[in-house]
C-alpha atoms as a PDB file:
ATOM      1  CA  MET A   1      -8.377  -3.043  47.175  1.00  0.00           C
ATOM      2  CA  CYS A   2      -7.843   0.611  46.483  1.00  0.00           C
ATOM      3  CA  LEU A   3      -5.062   1.828  44.234  1.00  0.00           C
ATOM      4  CA  SER A   4      -3.593   5.245  44.595  1.00  0.00           C
ATOM      5  CA  TRP A   5      -3.577   7.476  41.545  1.00  0.00           C
ATOM      6  CA  ILE A   6       0.227   7.156  41.322  1.00  0.00           C
ATOM      7  CA  THR A   7       0.021   3.364  41.184  1.00  0.00           C
ATOM      8  CA  ALA A   8      -2.777   3.530  38.594  1.00  0.00           C
ATOM      9  CA  ALA A   9      -0.762   5.954  36.432  1.00  0.00           C
ATOM     10  CA  THR A  10       2.286   3.702  36.686  1.00  0.00           C
ATOM     11  CA  LEU A  11       0.284   0.623  35.662  1.00  0.00           C
ATOM     12  CA  LEU A  12      -1.255   2.517  32.769  1.00  0.00           C
ATOM     13  CA  ALA A  13       2.144   3.710  31.559  1.00  0.00           C
ATOM     14  CA  VAL A  14       3.502   0.161  31.654  1.00  0.00           C
ATOM     15  CA  ALA A  15       0.428  -1.323  29.924  1.00  0.00           C
ATOM     16  CA  LEU A  16       0.403   1.109  27.007  1.00  0.00           C
ATOM     17  CA  PRO A  17       2.939   0.592  24.243  1.00  0.00           C
ATOM     18  CA  PRO A  18       5.403   3.423  23.853  1.00  0.00           C
ATOM     19  CA  ALA A  19       4.407   5.990  21.234  1.00  0.00           C
ATOM     20  CA  ALA A  20       6.347   5.565  18.046  1.00  0.00           C
ATOM     21  CA  ALA A  21       8.795   8.397  17.717  1.00  0.00           C
ATOM     22  CA  PRO A  22       8.513  10.160  14.393  1.00  0.00           C
ATOM     23  CA  ASP A  23      11.226   9.124  11.976  1.00  0.00           C
ATOM     24  CA  THR A  24      13.109  12.366  11.445  1.00  0.00           C
ATOM     25  CA  ARG A  25      14.982  10.775   8.554  1.00  0.00           C
ATOM     26  CA  LEU A  26      11.747  10.984   6.541  1.00  0.00           C
ATOM     27  CA  ALA A  27      11.209  14.709   6.999  1.00  0.00           C
ATOM     28  CA  PRO A  28      11.092  16.404   3.572  1.00  0.00           C
ATOM     29  CA  GLY A  29      14.117  18.477   2.636  1.00  0.00           C
ATOM     30  CA  THR A  30      16.333  19.109  -0.349  1.00  0.00           C
ATOM     31  CA  VAL A  31      16.691  16.314  -2.896  1.00  0.00           C
ATOM     32  CA  THR A  32      18.791  15.578  -5.984  1.00  0.00           C
ATOM     33  CA  VAL A  33      17.390  13.132  -8.535  1.00  0.00           C
ATOM     34  CA  GLU A  34      19.763  10.559  -9.994  1.00  0.00           C
ATOM     35  CA  ALA A  35      18.674   8.104 -12.668  1.00  0.00           C
ATOM     36  CA  SER A  36      20.310   4.725 -13.034  1.00  0.00           C
ATOM     37  CA  ASP A  37      20.266   2.781 -16.289  1.00  0.00           C
ATOM     38  CA  GLY A  38      18.047   3.688 -19.211  1.00  0.00           C
ATOM     39  CA  THR A  39      18.575   5.997 -22.149  1.00  0.00           C
ATOM     40  CA  PRO A  40      19.570   9.624 -21.512  1.00  0.00           C
ATOM     41  CA  GLU A  41      16.269  10.862 -23.005  1.00  0.00           C
ATOM     42  CA  THR A  42      14.179   8.567 -20.800  1.00  0.00           C
ATOM     43  CA  ASN A  43      16.260   9.411 -17.743  1.00  0.00           C
ATOM     44  CA  GLN A  44      15.798  13.147 -18.385  1.00  0.00           C
ATOM     45  CA  VAL A  45      12.008  12.866 -18.805  1.00  0.00           C
ATOM     46  CA  PHE A  46      11.584  10.729 -15.687  1.00  0.00           C
ATOM     47  CA  SER A  47      14.009  12.862 -13.636  1.00  0.00           C
ATOM     48  CA  GLU A  48      12.008  15.996 -14.427  1.00  0.00           C
ATOM     49  CA  ALA A  49       8.749  14.242 -13.529  1.00  0.00           C
ATOM     50  CA  VAL A  50      10.182  13.005 -10.210  1.00  0.00           C
ATOM     51  CA  GLN A  51      11.443  16.516  -9.415  1.00  0.00           C
ATOM     52  CA  ALA A  52       7.981  17.975 -10.063  1.00  0.00           C
ATOM     53  CA  ALA A  53       6.225  15.291  -8.005  1.00  0.00           C
ATOM     54  CA  SER A  54       8.719  15.629  -5.145  1.00  0.00           C
ATOM     55  CA  THR A  55       7.993  19.360  -5.014  1.00  0.00           C
ATOM     56  CA  ARG A  56       4.318  18.624  -4.399  1.00  0.00           C
ATOM     57  CA  ALA A  57       5.430  16.287  -1.574  1.00  0.00           C
ATOM     58  CA  SER A  58       7.232  19.250   0.122  1.00  0.00           C
ATOM     59  CA  PHE A  59      10.741  18.410  -1.109  1.00  0.00           C
ATOM     60  CA  THR A  60      13.002  21.021  -2.674  1.00  0.00           C
ATOM     61  CA  PRO A  61      14.753  19.617  -5.748  1.00  0.00           C
ATOM     62  CA  LEU A  62      18.308  20.779  -6.440  1.00  0.00           C
ATOM     63  CA  PRO A  63      20.233  20.272  -9.681  1.00  0.00           C
ATOM     64  CA  ALA A  64      22.949  17.635  -9.730  1.00  0.00           C
ATOM     65  CA  PRO A  65      25.619  17.744  -8.436  1.00  0.00           C
ATOM     66  CA  SER A  66      24.562  19.333  -5.160  1.00  0.00           C
ATOM     67  CA  HIS A  67      24.738  18.971  -1.407  1.00  0.00           C
ATOM     68  CA  SER A  68      21.095  18.062  -0.891  1.00  0.00           C
ATOM     69  CA  ARG A  69      19.834  16.229   2.186  1.00  0.00           C
ATOM     70  CA  TYR A  70      18.572  13.323   0.068  1.00  0.00           C
ATOM     71  CA  ILE A  71      19.392  11.550  -3.156  1.00  0.00           C
ATOM     72  CA  ALA A  72      16.361  10.247  -5.044  1.00  0.00           C
ATOM     73  CA  ARG A  73      17.646   7.287  -7.022  1.00  0.00           C
ATOM     74  CA  ILE A  74      15.217   6.326  -9.768  1.00  0.00           C
ATOM     75  CA  VAL A  75      15.042   3.073 -11.688  1.00  0.00           C
ATOM     76  CA  ILE A  76      12.879   2.781 -14.807  1.00  0.00           C
ATOM     77  CA  THR A  77      11.992  -0.580 -16.309  1.00  0.00           C
ATOM     78  CA  ARG A  78      10.043  -0.978 -19.553  1.00  0.00           C
ATOM     79  CA  LYS A  79       8.984  -4.386 -20.871  1.00  0.00           C
ATOM     80  CA  GLU A  80       6.780  -5.345 -23.790  1.00  0.00           C
ATOM     81  CA  ARG A  81       4.016  -7.710 -22.698  1.00  0.00           C
ATOM     82  CA  GLY A  82       2.342  -8.599 -25.973  1.00  0.00           C
ATOM     83  CA  LEU A  83       0.543  -6.893 -28.834  1.00  0.00           C
ATOM     84  CA  VAL A  84      -2.817  -5.144 -29.085  1.00  0.00           C
ATOM     85  CA  ALA A  85      -4.771  -4.161 -32.188  1.00  0.00           C
ATOM     86  CA  SER A  86      -5.681  -0.568 -32.779  1.00  0.00           C
ATOM     87  CA  GLY A  87      -7.114   1.102 -35.820  1.00  0.00           C
ATOM     88  CA  ILE A  88      -8.992   4.112 -37.039  1.00  0.00           C
ATOM     89  CA  LYS A  89     -11.851   5.111 -34.776  1.00  0.00           C
ATOM     90  CA  GLU A  90     -15.153   4.874 -36.507  1.00  0.00           C
ATOM     91  CA  LYS A  91     -18.709   5.750 -35.601  1.00  0.00           C
ATOM     92  CA  ALA A  92     -20.118   3.185 -33.204  1.00  0.00           C
ATOM     93  CA  THR A  93     -22.966   1.144 -34.616  1.00  0.00           C
ATOM     94  CA  PRO A  94     -25.259  -0.969 -32.504  1.00  0.00           C
ATOM     95  CA  ALA A  95     -24.368  -4.644 -32.312  1.00  0.00           C
ATOM     96  CA  ALA A  96     -28.030  -5.596 -32.520  1.00  0.00           C
ATOM     97  CA  GLY A  97     -31.204  -3.887 -33.564  1.00  0.00           C
ATOM     98  CA  VAL A  98     -34.890  -4.437 -34.170  1.00  0.00           C
ATOM     99  CA  ALA A  99     -36.747  -2.885 -37.083  1.00  0.00           C
ATOM    100  CA  ASN A 100     -40.048  -3.396 -38.926  1.00  0.00           C
ATOM    101  CA  TRP A 101     -38.523  -6.130 -41.055  1.00  0.00           C
ATOM    102  CA  GLY A 102     -37.016  -8.186 -38.212  1.00  0.00           C
ATOM    103  CA  LEU A 103     -34.069  -8.567 -35.917  1.00  0.00           C
ATOM    104  CA  GLY A 104     -30.460  -7.939 -36.999  1.00  0.00           C
ATOM    105  CA  PHE A 105     -27.006  -8.355 -35.529  1.00  0.00           C
ATOM    106  CA  GLY A 106     -23.789  -6.603 -36.470  1.00  0.00           C
ATOM    107  CA  LEU A 107     -20.222  -7.783 -36.063  1.00  0.00           C
ATOM    108  CA  ARG A 108     -17.048  -5.801 -36.754  1.00  0.00           C
ATOM    109  CA  LEU A 109     -14.343  -7.846 -38.417  1.00  0.00           C
ATOM    110  CA  PRO A 110     -10.676  -6.813 -38.400  1.00  0.00           C
ATOM    111  CA  ARG A 111      -9.741  -4.518 -41.253  1.00  0.00           C
ATOM    112  CA  ARG A 112      -6.477  -4.140 -43.081  1.00  0.00           C
ATOM    113  CA  ASP A 113      -5.886  -0.693 -41.566  1.00  0.00           C
ATOM    114  CA  ASP A 114      -5.873  -2.150 -38.030  1.00  0.00           C
ATOM    115  CA  GLN A 115      -2.368  -2.070 -36.602  1.00  0.00           C
ATOM    116  CA  LEU A 116      -0.638  -4.064 -33.922  1.00  0.00           C
ATOM    117  CA  HIS A 117       1.123  -2.084 -31.198  1.00  0.00           C
ATOM    118  CA  GLY A 118       3.155  -3.253 -28.252  1.00  0.00           C
ATOM    119  CA  LEU A 119       1.654  -3.238 -24.770  1.00  0.00           C
ATOM    120  CA  ILE A 120       4.441  -1.721 -22.669  1.00  0.00           C
ATOM    121  CA  VAL A 121       4.582  -2.168 -18.890  1.00  0.00           C
ATOM    122  CA  THR A 122       6.606   0.627 -17.298  1.00  0.00           C
ATOM    123  CA  GLU A 123       7.658   0.641 -13.641  1.00  0.00           C
ATOM    124  CA  LEU A 124       9.214   3.563 -11.781  1.00  0.00           C
ATOM    125  CA  THR A 125      10.959   2.963  -8.463  1.00  0.00           C
ATOM    126  CA  VAL A 126      12.192   5.889  -6.361  1.00  0.00           C
ATOM    127  CA  THR A 127      14.502   5.266  -3.408  1.00  0.00           C
ATOM    128  CA  LEU A 128      15.363   8.135  -1.078  1.00  0.00           C
ATOM    129  CA  LEU A 129      18.858   7.885   0.387  1.00  0.00           C
ATOM    130  CA  THR A 130      20.443  10.165   2.949  1.00  0.00           C
ATOM    131  CA  ARG A 131      23.374  11.920   1.338  1.00  0.00           C
ATOM    132  CA  SER A 132      25.523  11.663   4.453  1.00  0.00           C
ATOM    133  CA  ASP A 133      25.703   7.857   4.571  1.00  0.00           C
ATOM    134  CA  ALA A 134      23.723   6.669   1.498  1.00  0.00           C
ATOM    135  CA  HIS A 135      21.294   4.910   3.846  1.00  0.00           C
ATOM    136  CA  PRO A 136      17.897   4.193   2.212  1.00  0.00           C
ATOM    137  CA  VAL A 137      15.107   5.816   4.230  1.00  0.00           C
ATOM    138  CA  TRP A 138      12.116   5.349   1.906  1.00  0.00           C
ATOM    139  CA  SER A 139      11.173   3.648  -1.317  1.00  0.00           C
ATOM    140  CA  GLY A 140       8.071   3.697  -3.475  1.00  0.00           C
ATOM    141  CA  SER A 141       7.147   2.338  -6.876  1.00  0.00           C
ATOM    142  CA  ALA A 142       4.329   2.472  -9.399  1.00  0.00           C
ATOM    143  CA  LEU A 143       3.642   0.749 -12.696  1.00  0.00           C
ATOM    144  CA  THR A 144       1.355   1.142 -15.685  1.00  0.00           C
ATOM    145  CA  ALA A 145       0.614  -0.698 -18.925  1.00  0.00           C
ATOM    146  CA  GLN A 146       0.088   1.492 -22.005  1.00  0.00           C
ATOM    147  CA  VAL A 147      -0.081   0.952 -25.751  1.00  0.00           C
ATOM    148  CA  ASP A 148       3.107   2.004 -27.513  1.00  0.00           C
ATOM    149  CA  GLY A 149       2.691   4.705 -30.145  1.00  0.00           C
ATOM    150  CA  THR A 150      -0.315   6.369 -28.474  1.00  0.00           C
ATOM    151  CA  ARG A 151      -0.502   9.638 -26.561  1.00  0.00           C
ATOM    152  CA  ALA A 152      -1.174   7.740 -23.308  1.00  0.00           C
ATOM    153  CA  GLY A 153       1.961   5.690 -24.019  1.00  0.00           C
ATOM    154  CA  ALA A 154       4.235   8.723 -24.538  1.00  0.00           C
ATOM    155  CA  PRO A 155       7.205   8.811 -22.123  1.00  0.00           C
ATOM    156  CA  ASP A 156       6.358  12.256 -20.699  1.00  0.00           C
ATOM    157  CA  VAL A 157       2.763  11.231 -19.917  1.00  0.00           C
ATOM    158  CA  ILE A 158       3.848   7.953 -18.328  1.00  0.00           C
ATOM    159  CA  ALA A 159       6.632   9.635 -16.331  1.00  0.00           C
ATOM    160  CA  ALA A 160       4.303  12.276 -14.863  1.00  0.00           C
ATOM    161  CA  LYS A 161       1.631   9.703 -14.028  1.00  0.00           C
ATOM    162  CA  LEU A 162       4.041   7.305 -12.321  1.00  0.00           C
ATOM    163  CA  ALA A 163       5.995   9.979 -10.425  1.00  0.00           C
ATOM    164  CA  GLU A 164       2.736  11.377  -9.001  1.00  0.00           C
ATOM    165  CA  ALA A 165       1.628   7.900  -7.914  1.00  0.00           C
ATOM    166  CA  VAL A 166       4.973   7.208  -6.234  1.00  0.00           C
ATOM    167  CA  PHE A 167       4.997  10.443  -4.221  1.00  0.00           C
ATOM    168  CA  ASP A 168       1.297  10.118  -3.351  1.00  0.00           C
ATOM    169  CA  GLN A 169       2.475   7.184  -1.197  1.00  0.00           C
ATOM    170  CA  PHE A 170       5.026   9.249   0.760  1.00  0.00           C
ATOM    171  CA  PRO A 171       5.774   8.628   3.664  1.00  0.00           C
ATOM    172  CA  ARG A 172       3.837   5.315   3.709  1.00  0.00           C
ATOM    173  CA  ARG A 173       5.729   2.209   2.723  1.00  0.00           C
ATOM    174  CA  THR A 174       4.221  -0.441   0.483  1.00  0.00           C
ATOM    175  CA  ASP A 175       5.499  -3.892  -0.366  1.00  0.00           C
ATOM    176  CA  ALA A 176       4.328  -3.870  -3.991  1.00  0.00           C
ATOM    177  CA  PRO A 177       4.160  -1.251  -6.725  1.00  0.00           C
ATOM    178  CA  VAL A 178       1.003   0.816  -7.044  1.00  0.00           C
ATOM    179  CA  SER A 179      -0.844   0.064 -10.276  1.00  0.00           C
ATOM    180  CA  VAL A 180      -1.804   3.146 -12.294  1.00  0.00           C
ATOM    181  CA  PRO A 181      -4.381   3.001 -15.121  1.00  0.00           C
END
Protein backbone atom coordinates (compact mmCIF):
# COMPACT_ATOMS: atom_id res chain seq x y z
CA MET A 1 0.00 0.00 0.00
CA CYS A 2 1.41 3.34 -0.98
CA LEU A 3 0.75 6.46 1.05
CA SER A 4 0.84 9.86 -0.49
CA TRP A 5 3.15 12.42 1.07
CA ILE A 6 0.12 14.38 2.34
CA THR A 7 -1.23 11.34 4.18
CA ALA A 8 2.23 10.57 5.61
CA ALA A 9 2.63 14.18 6.81
CA THR A 10 -0.82 14.07 8.40
CA LEU A 11 -0.06 10.80 10.21
CA LEU A 12 3.26 12.18 11.41
CA ALA A 13 1.63 15.35 12.72
CA VAL A 14 -0.96 13.32 14.62
CA ALA A 15 1.64 10.88 16.03
CA LEU A 16 4.00 13.54 17.37
CA PRO A 17 3.04 15.30 20.58
CA PRO A 18 2.45 19.01 20.20
CA ALA A 19 5.50 21.15 20.99
CA ALA A 20 5.25 22.75 24.37
CA ALA A 21 4.64 26.44 23.94
CA PRO A 22 7.11 28.54 25.87
CA ASP A 23 5.65 29.90 29.08
CA THR A 24 5.75 33.64 28.48
CA ARG A 25 4.93 34.22 32.14
CA LEU A 26 8.48 33.09 32.96
CA ALA A 27 10.24 35.57 30.70
CA PRO A 28 12.60 37.74 32.79
CA GLY A 29 11.50 41.31 33.37
CA THR A 30 11.38 43.85 36.16
CA VAL A 31 11.10 42.54 39.71
CA THR A 32 10.55 43.97 43.20
CA VAL A 33 11.80 41.94 46.16
CA GLU A 34 9.53 41.66 49.18
CA ALA A 35 10.59 39.83 52.33
CA SER A 36 8.06 38.21 54.62
CA ASP A 37 8.77 37.53 58.28
CA GLY A 38 12.23 37.76 59.79
CA THR A 39 14.11 40.64 61.35
CA PRO A 40 14.54 43.87 59.36
CA GLU A 41 18.33 43.37 59.24
CA THR A 42 18.02 39.81 57.92
CA ASN A 43 15.34 40.83 55.44
CA GLN A 44 17.55 43.66 54.13
CA VAL A 45 20.61 41.41 53.69
CA PHE A 46 18.63 38.68 51.93
CA SER A 47 16.67 41.17 49.79
CA GLU A 48 19.91 42.70 48.51
CA ALA A 49 21.34 39.25 47.76
CA VAL A 50 18.19 38.22 45.87
CA GLN A 51 18.29 41.46 43.87
CA ALA A 52 21.91 40.82 42.88
CA ALA A 53 21.25 37.18 41.95
CA SER A 54 18.12 38.10 39.98
CA THR A 55 20.18 40.57 37.95
CA ARG A 56 22.49 37.76 36.87
CA ALA A 57 19.35 35.81 35.83
CA SER A 58 18.39 38.70 33.45
CA PHE A 59 15.84 40.35 35.75
CA THR A 60 15.86 44.08 36.42
CA PRO A 61 15.29 44.78 40.12
CA LEU A 62 13.29 47.88 41.04
CA PRO A 63 13.04 49.43 44.51
CA ALA A 64 9.83 48.92 46.45
CA PRO A 65 7.18 50.17 45.96
CA SER A 66 7.18 49.95 42.17
CA HIS A 67 5.18 48.77 39.19
CA SER A 68 7.44 45.86 38.28
CA ARG A 69 6.27 42.91 36.21
CA TYR A 70 7.03 40.48 39.05
CA ILE A 71 7.11 40.41 42.82
CA ALA A 72 9.82 38.18 44.28
CA ARG A 73 8.48 37.12 47.66
CA ILE A 74 11.25 35.72 49.84
CA VAL A 75 10.91 33.59 52.95
CA ILE A 76 13.92 32.96 55.20
CA THR A 77 13.91 30.23 57.82
CA ARG A 78 16.75 29.68 60.29
CA LYS A 79 16.78 26.77 62.73
CA GLU A 80 19.44 25.55 65.12
CA ARG A 81 20.14 21.85 64.61
CA GLY A 82 22.59 21.07 67.40
CA LEU A 83 26.01 22.15 68.59
CA VAL A 84 29.50 21.69 67.16
CA ALA A 85 32.86 22.17 68.86
CA SER A 86 35.34 24.62 67.46
CA GLY A 87 38.54 25.92 68.91
CA ILE A 88 41.83 27.54 68.09
CA LYS A 89 43.46 26.11 64.99
CA GLU A 90 46.75 24.51 65.76
CA LYS A 91 49.50 22.95 63.71
CA ALA A 92 48.46 19.52 62.52
CA THR A 93 50.50 16.69 63.97
CA PRO A 94 50.47 13.18 62.59
CA ALA A 95 48.15 10.76 64.36
CA ALA A 96 50.74 8.00 64.08
CA GLY A 97 54.42 7.82 63.38
CA VAL A 98 57.37 5.47 63.25
CA ALA A 99 60.81 6.41 64.54
CA ASN A 100 64.03 4.63 65.53
CA TRP A 101 62.67 3.92 68.99
CA GLY A 102 59.33 2.41 67.91
CA LEU A 103 55.81 3.17 66.86
CA GLY A 104 53.72 5.99 68.37
CA PHE A 105 50.16 7.22 68.17
CA GLY A 106 48.78 10.66 68.95
CA LEU A 107 45.29 11.64 70.03
CA ARG A 108 43.93 15.17 70.48
CA LEU A 109 41.71 15.54 73.51
CA PRO A 110 39.24 18.41 73.92
CA ARG A 111 40.76 21.49 75.50
CA ARG A 112 39.18 24.11 77.68
CA ASP A 113 39.45 26.74 74.94
CA ASP A 114 37.22 24.67 72.61
CA GLN A 115 33.85 26.33 72.23
CA LEU A 116 30.44 25.04 71.30
CA HIS A 117 28.63 26.86 68.50
CA GLY A 118 25.20 26.31 67.04
CA LEU A 119 24.80 24.56 63.71
CA ILE A 120 22.28 26.76 61.90
CA VAL A 121 20.26 25.49 58.93
CA THR A 122 19.10 28.40 56.78
CA GLU A 123 16.61 28.03 53.92
CA LEU A 124 15.75 30.70 51.36
CA THR A 125 12.61 30.34 49.25
CA VAL A 126 11.90 32.77 46.41
CA THR A 127 8.47 32.80 44.76
CA LEU A 128 7.92 34.92 41.65
CA LEU A 129 4.40 36.31 41.38
CA THR A 130 2.93 38.31 38.54
CA ARG A 131 2.08 41.76 39.81
CA SER A 132 -1.14 41.95 37.81
CA ASP A 133 -2.91 39.04 39.53
CA ALA A 134 -0.44 37.81 42.21
CA HIS A 135 -0.33 34.44 40.43
CA PRO A 136 2.80 32.40 41.32
CA VAL A 137 4.75 31.55 38.16
CA TRP A 138 7.97 30.12 39.61
CA SER A 139 9.47 29.11 42.91
CA GLY A 140 12.92 27.96 43.96
CA SER A 141 14.63 27.28 47.25
CA ALA A 142 18.06 26.46 48.64
CA LEU A 143 19.39 25.60 52.08
CA THR A 144 22.71 25.41 53.87
CA ALA A 145 24.01 24.41 57.30
CA GLN A 146 26.74 26.64 58.77
CA VAL A 147 28.35 27.11 62.16
CA ASP A 148 27.08 30.20 63.95
CA GLY A 149 29.73 32.78 64.83
CA THR A 150 32.03 31.94 61.89
CA ARG A 151 32.66 33.88 58.70
CA ALA A 152 30.92 31.16 56.65
CA GLY A 153 27.92 31.51 58.98
CA ALA A 154 27.62 35.30 58.57
CA PRO A 155 24.22 36.41 57.21
CA ASP A 156 25.67 38.25 54.19
CA VAL A 157 27.72 35.21 53.11
CA ILE A 158 24.78 32.84 53.56
CA ALA A 159 22.37 35.20 51.76
CA ALA A 160 24.63 35.56 48.71
CA LYS A 161 25.29 31.82 48.54
CA LEU A 162 21.62 30.85 48.80
CA ALA A 163 20.33 33.54 46.43
CA GLU A 164 22.83 32.42 43.76
CA ALA A 165 21.76 28.79 44.19
CA VAL A 166 18.07 29.69 43.90
CA PHE A 167 18.48 31.70 40.69
CA ASP A 168 20.86 29.13 39.19
CA GLN A 169 17.74 26.93 39.02
CA PHE A 170 15.69 29.46 37.02
CA PRO A 171 13.52 28.63 35.03
CA ARG A 172 13.65 24.94 36.06
CA ARG A 173 11.32 23.84 38.81
CA THR A 174 12.43 21.51 41.57
CA ASP A 175 10.38 19.76 44.22
CA ALA A 176 12.97 20.07 47.00
CA PRO A 177 15.43 22.75 48.06
CA VAL A 178 18.92 22.67 46.59
CA SER A 179 21.54 21.89 49.23
CA VAL A 180 24.49 24.29 49.28
CA PRO A 181 27.75 23.47 51.11
